[in-house]
Amino acid sequence: MGYVSAVPVPQPRTRTAAAPGAAVSRRSLAAGLLLGAAGATVVLLASGQTWAEGRAAVVGGSLPLTADGQDVTGLPAALAVVGLAALVAVFAVRGGGRLVVAGLLALSGLGAALSAGLGASDSSALDEKAAQATGDTSATVQALAHTAWPYVTAAGGLLILLAGLLALRYGRLWPSMSGRYERDGTPRPRRAASRAPDPDRPEDLWKALDRGEDPTR
């Protein structure tokens, strides 16, 4: 009669695949941060470039005039700053608050793109400069030309919008700030009590003095 061994036979270990949700969380988080930061940078830089050029008629000739994005509209740059703040705030809140902040991030990108697109054909900023240069309030700019920078600004706004949409879709999977910054009333682990200094070890006595303890206790 054979005997059945009670010793379990070791089985080869198989490597478990990473959870799909964790991979999606990492990819969407990286994409959201990259798109949001890149979009805000593009908007802020492109808003400072020349958007429109023209000439104002003056005595003896014409005066060249230029208008940058801030002259035309300051809205894209302001919304880019709001988008950056919302991108950071996404990690400071949870639940419904995260959805609200993600929505603000998406709306700031949409607003920046729309306002930049509307400013691409605007001539009021140059007309105002022409009136100031000539002293004639009815003067208008001549030989008006627009650059591609408003469209670059609008593209940056769309990047912020995409970051907001990613936050709305996958934000619930993204991590939050470390718990040590929260004040939820939960008890924090207490530090272990330091051991009493050994009188035969001078370094222990010095360390106790540095901690403000009485080494003679």
Protein backbone atom coordinates (compact mmCIF):
# COMPACT_ATOMS: atom_id res chain seq x y z
CA MET A 1 0.00 0.00 0.00
CA GLY A 2 1.37 3.42 -0.92
CA TYR A 3 1.61 6.32 1.45
CA VAL A 4 0.26 9.82 0.78
CA SER A 5 2.68 12.55 1.80
CA ALA A 6 1.26 15.34 3.97
CA VAL A 7 3.94 17.77 2.86
CA PRO A 8 2.50 20.18 0.28
CA VAL A 9 4.28 20.26 -3.03
CA PRO A 10 5.56 23.79 -3.78
CA GLN A 11 3.97 25.27 -6.84
CA PRO A 12 5.81 27.62 -9.20
CA ARG A 13 4.98 31.25 -8.63
CA THR A 14 3.31 33.15 -11.42
CA ARG A 15 3.72 36.86 -11.78
CA THR A 16 0.35 38.58 -11.50
CA ALA A 17 -0.42 41.18 -14.07
CA ALA A 18 -0.79 44.77 -12.93
CA ALA A 19 -4.33 45.93 -12.37
CA PRO A 20 -5.72 47.57 -15.51
CA GLY A 21 -7.10 50.45 -13.48
CA ALA A 22 -3.66 51.32 -12.12
CA ALA A 23 -2.16 51.46 -15.60
CA VAL A 24 -4.99 53.66 -16.87
CA SER A 25 -4.59 55.92 -13.83
CA ARG A 26 -0.87 56.39 -14.44
CA ARG A 27 -1.25 57.06 -18.16
CA SER A 28 -4.16 59.47 -17.79
CA LEU A 29 -2.44 61.28 -14.90
CA ALA A 30 0.76 61.76 -16.90
CA ALA A 31 -1.19 62.89 -19.97
CA GLY A 32 -3.32 65.32 -17.95
CA LEU A 33 -0.32 66.93 -16.27
CA LEU A 34 1.61 67.18 -19.52
CA LEU A 35 -1.30 68.62 -21.51
CA GLY A 36 -2.30 71.10 -18.81
CA ALA A 37 1.20 72.40 -18.15
CA ALA A 38 2.11 72.55 -21.84
CA GLY A 39 -1.15 74.26 -22.78
CA ALA A 40 -0.81 76.95 -20.10
CA THR A 41 2.81 77.59 -21.12
CA VAL A 42 1.85 77.94 -24.78
CA VAL A 43 -1.00 80.34 -23.98
CA LEU A 44 1.14 82.54 -21.73
CA LEU A 45 4.01 82.71 -24.20
CA ALA A 46 1.89 83.19 -27.34
CA SER A 47 -0.20 85.90 -25.67
CA GLY A 48 2.90 88.06 -25.45
CA GLN A 49 3.66 87.84 -29.17
CA THR A 50 2.53 90.18 -31.96
CA TRP A 51 -1.01 89.35 -33.07
CA ALA A 52 -1.69 92.21 -35.49
CA GLU A 53 0.26 94.77 -37.51
CA GLY A 54 -0.74 97.88 -39.40
CA ARG A 55 0.03 101.51 -40.19
CA ALA A 56 -1.45 104.80 -39.08
CA ALA A 57 -1.45 107.77 -41.43
CA VAL A 58 0.44 110.74 -39.99
CA VAL A 59 1.73 113.99 -41.42
CA GLY A 60 4.52 113.23 -43.85
CA GLY A 61 3.93 109.47 -44.07
CA SER A 62 2.69 106.54 -42.02
CA LEU A 63 3.56 105.10 -38.62
CA PRO A 64 3.93 101.30 -38.18
CA LEU A 65 1.89 99.87 -35.30
CA THR A 66 1.78 96.46 -33.67
CA ALA A 67 -0.50 94.86 -31.08
CA ASP A 68 0.33 91.81 -29.01
CA GLY A 69 -2.10 89.38 -27.46
CA GLN A 70 -2.35 91.34 -24.23
CA ASP A 71 -3.33 94.45 -26.20
CA VAL A 72 -6.06 92.56 -28.03
CA THR A 73 -7.43 90.55 -25.09
CA GLY A 74 -6.00 89.58 -21.74
CA LEU A 75 -8.54 86.79 -21.26
CA PRO A 76 -6.49 83.83 -22.60
CA ALA A 77 -3.53 84.55 -20.31
CA ALA A 78 -5.80 85.04 -17.29
CA LEU A 79 -7.64 81.78 -18.00
CA ALA A 80 -4.32 79.96 -18.44
CA VAL A 81 -3.36 80.99 -14.90
CA VAL A 82 -6.75 79.78 -13.66
CA GLY A 83 -6.15 76.50 -15.49
CA LEU A 84 -2.78 76.01 -13.82
CA ALA A 85 -4.30 76.64 -10.41
CA ALA A 86 -7.12 74.18 -11.15
CA LEU A 87 -4.62 71.57 -12.36
CA VAL A 88 -2.84 71.72 -9.00
CA ALA A 89 -6.10 71.84 -7.03
CA VAL A 90 -7.29 68.61 -8.65
CA PHE A 91 -4.92 66.72 -6.34
CA ALA A 92 -6.00 68.60 -3.23
CA VAL A 93 -9.66 67.59 -3.32
CA ARG A 94 -11.62 64.38 -3.65
CA GLY A 95 -15.04 63.18 -4.74
CA GLY A 96 -17.42 65.83 -5.96
CA GLY A 97 -14.92 68.59 -5.32
CA ARG A 98 -12.51 67.01 -7.77
CA LEU A 99 -15.19 66.97 -10.46
CA VAL A 100 -15.90 70.66 -9.88
CA VAL A 101 -12.21 71.59 -10.15
CA ALA A 102 -11.79 69.38 -13.24
CA GLY A 103 -14.75 71.15 -14.81
CA LEU A 104 -13.15 74.52 -14.05
CA LEU A 105 -9.95 73.30 -15.70
CA ALA A 106 -11.83 72.29 -18.85
CA LEU A 107 -13.82 75.55 -18.98
CA SER A 108 -10.69 77.67 -18.57
CA GLY A 109 -9.12 75.91 -21.55
CA LEU A 110 -12.27 76.32 -23.64
CA GLY A 111 -12.53 80.00 -22.73
CA ALA A 112 -8.88 80.63 -23.58
CA ALA A 113 -9.27 78.95 -26.98
CA LEU A 114 -12.48 80.82 -27.86
CA SER A 115 -11.22 84.23 -26.78
CA ALA A 116 -7.97 83.75 -28.73
CA GLY A 117 -9.93 82.69 -31.82
CA LEU A 118 -12.13 85.76 -31.59
CA GLY A 119 -9.10 87.99 -31.18
CA ALA A 120 -7.46 86.63 -34.33
CA SER A 121 -9.43 89.07 -36.52
CA ASP A 122 -9.77 91.92 -34.03
CA SER A 123 -8.62 95.39 -35.13
CA SER A 124 -9.85 97.53 -32.23
CA ALA A 125 -6.50 97.42 -30.41
CA LEU A 126 -4.66 98.81 -33.44
CA ASP A 127 -7.40 101.37 -34.09
CA GLU A 128 -6.97 102.63 -30.55
CA LYS A 129 -3.22 102.91 -31.04
CA ALA A 130 -3.77 104.71 -34.33
CA ALA A 131 -6.05 107.23 -32.59
CA GLN A 132 -3.43 107.82 -29.90
CA ALA A 133 -0.61 108.20 -32.44
CA THR A 134 -2.48 110.68 -34.66
CA GLY A 135 -4.49 112.50 -32.04
CA ASP A 136 -7.61 111.81 -34.10
CA THR A 137 -10.21 109.73 -32.27
CA SER A 138 -11.75 108.67 -35.57
CA ALA A 139 -8.48 107.41 -37.06
CA THR A 140 -8.23 103.75 -38.01
CA VAL A 141 -5.34 101.51 -38.84
CA GLN A 142 -4.40 100.87 -42.45
CA ALA A 143 -2.76 97.85 -44.11
CA LEU A 144 -4.01 95.63 -41.31
CA ALA A 145 -2.41 92.17 -41.09
CA HIS A 146 -2.74 89.37 -38.54
CA THR A 147 -0.15 86.80 -37.48
CA ALA A 148 -0.53 83.13 -36.57
CA TRP A 149 0.02 83.70 -32.84
CA PRO A 150 -3.70 83.93 -31.95
CA TYR A 151 -4.17 80.45 -33.39
CA VAL A 152 -1.17 79.16 -31.45
CA THR A 153 -2.78 80.60 -28.32
CA ALA A 154 -6.05 78.88 -29.19
CA ALA A 155 -4.19 75.57 -29.61
CA GLY A 156 -2.74 75.99 -26.12
CA GLY A 157 -6.24 76.54 -24.78
CA LEU A 158 -7.37 73.31 -26.42
CA LEU A 159 -4.55 71.45 -24.66
CA ILE A 160 -5.84 72.77 -21.33
CA LEU A 161 -9.34 71.70 -22.34
CA LEU A 162 -8.10 68.16 -23.04
CA ALA A 163 -6.42 68.06 -19.64
CA GLY A 164 -9.73 69.03 -18.03
CA LEU A 165 -11.62 66.36 -19.94
CA LEU A 166 -9.09 63.75 -18.80
CA ALA A 167 -9.54 64.92 -15.21
CA LEU A 168 -13.31 64.65 -15.56
CA ARG A 169 -13.08 61.14 -16.99
CA TYR A 170 -10.26 59.59 -14.96
CA GLY A 171 -9.77 62.01 -12.07
CA ARG A 172 -11.43 59.64 -9.60
CA LEU A 173 -8.51 57.23 -10.17
CA TRP A 174 -5.80 59.81 -9.56
CA PRO A 175 -4.03 60.00 -6.19
CA SER A 176 -4.56 62.79 -3.69
CA MET A 177 -2.14 64.73 -1.56
CA SER A 178 -0.41 62.86 1.25
CA GLY A 179 -2.49 62.25 4.34
CA ARG A 180 -0.11 64.20 6.52
CA TYR A 181 -1.45 67.41 5.01
CA GLU A 182 -5.04 66.53 5.85
CA ARG A 183 -6.88 67.41 9.05
CA ASP A 184 -9.62 64.79 9.12
CA GLY A 185 -9.44 64.24 12.86
CA THR A 186 -8.03 60.73 12.63
CA PRO A 187 -5.34 59.94 15.20
CA ARG A 188 -1.76 60.07 13.97
CA PRO A 189 0.74 57.39 15.00
CA ARG A 190 2.70 58.47 18.04
CA ARG A 191 6.45 58.51 17.98
CA ALA A 192 8.10 55.78 19.93
CA ALA A 193 9.49 56.92 23.26
CA SER A 194 13.24 57.44 23.17
CA ARG A 195 15.22 55.03 25.27
CA ALA A 196 16.95 56.28 28.38
CA PRO A 197 20.56 57.40 27.78
CA ASP A 198 23.28 55.04 28.91
CA PRO A 199 25.50 56.88 31.45
CA ASP A 200 28.46 54.84 30.24
CA ARG A 201 28.02 56.16 26.69
CA PRO A 202 28.91 59.88 26.44
CA GLU A 203 27.34 60.14 22.97
CA ASP A 204 23.96 59.13 24.46
CA LEU A 205 24.23 61.89 27.04
CA TRP A 206 25.00 64.50 24.39
CA LYS A 207 22.07 63.32 22.24
CA ALA A 208 19.75 63.58 25.24
CA LEU A 209 20.92 67.14 25.88
CA ASP A 210 20.33 68.00 22.22
CA ARG A 211 16.74 66.73 22.56
CA GLY A 212 16.22 68.89 25.63
CA GLU A 213 16.05 65.91 27.99
CA ASP A 214 17.58 65.52 31.41
CA PRO A 215 20.23 62.76 31.06
CA THR A 216 20.32 62.27 34.82
CA ARG A 217 16.69 61.02 34.93
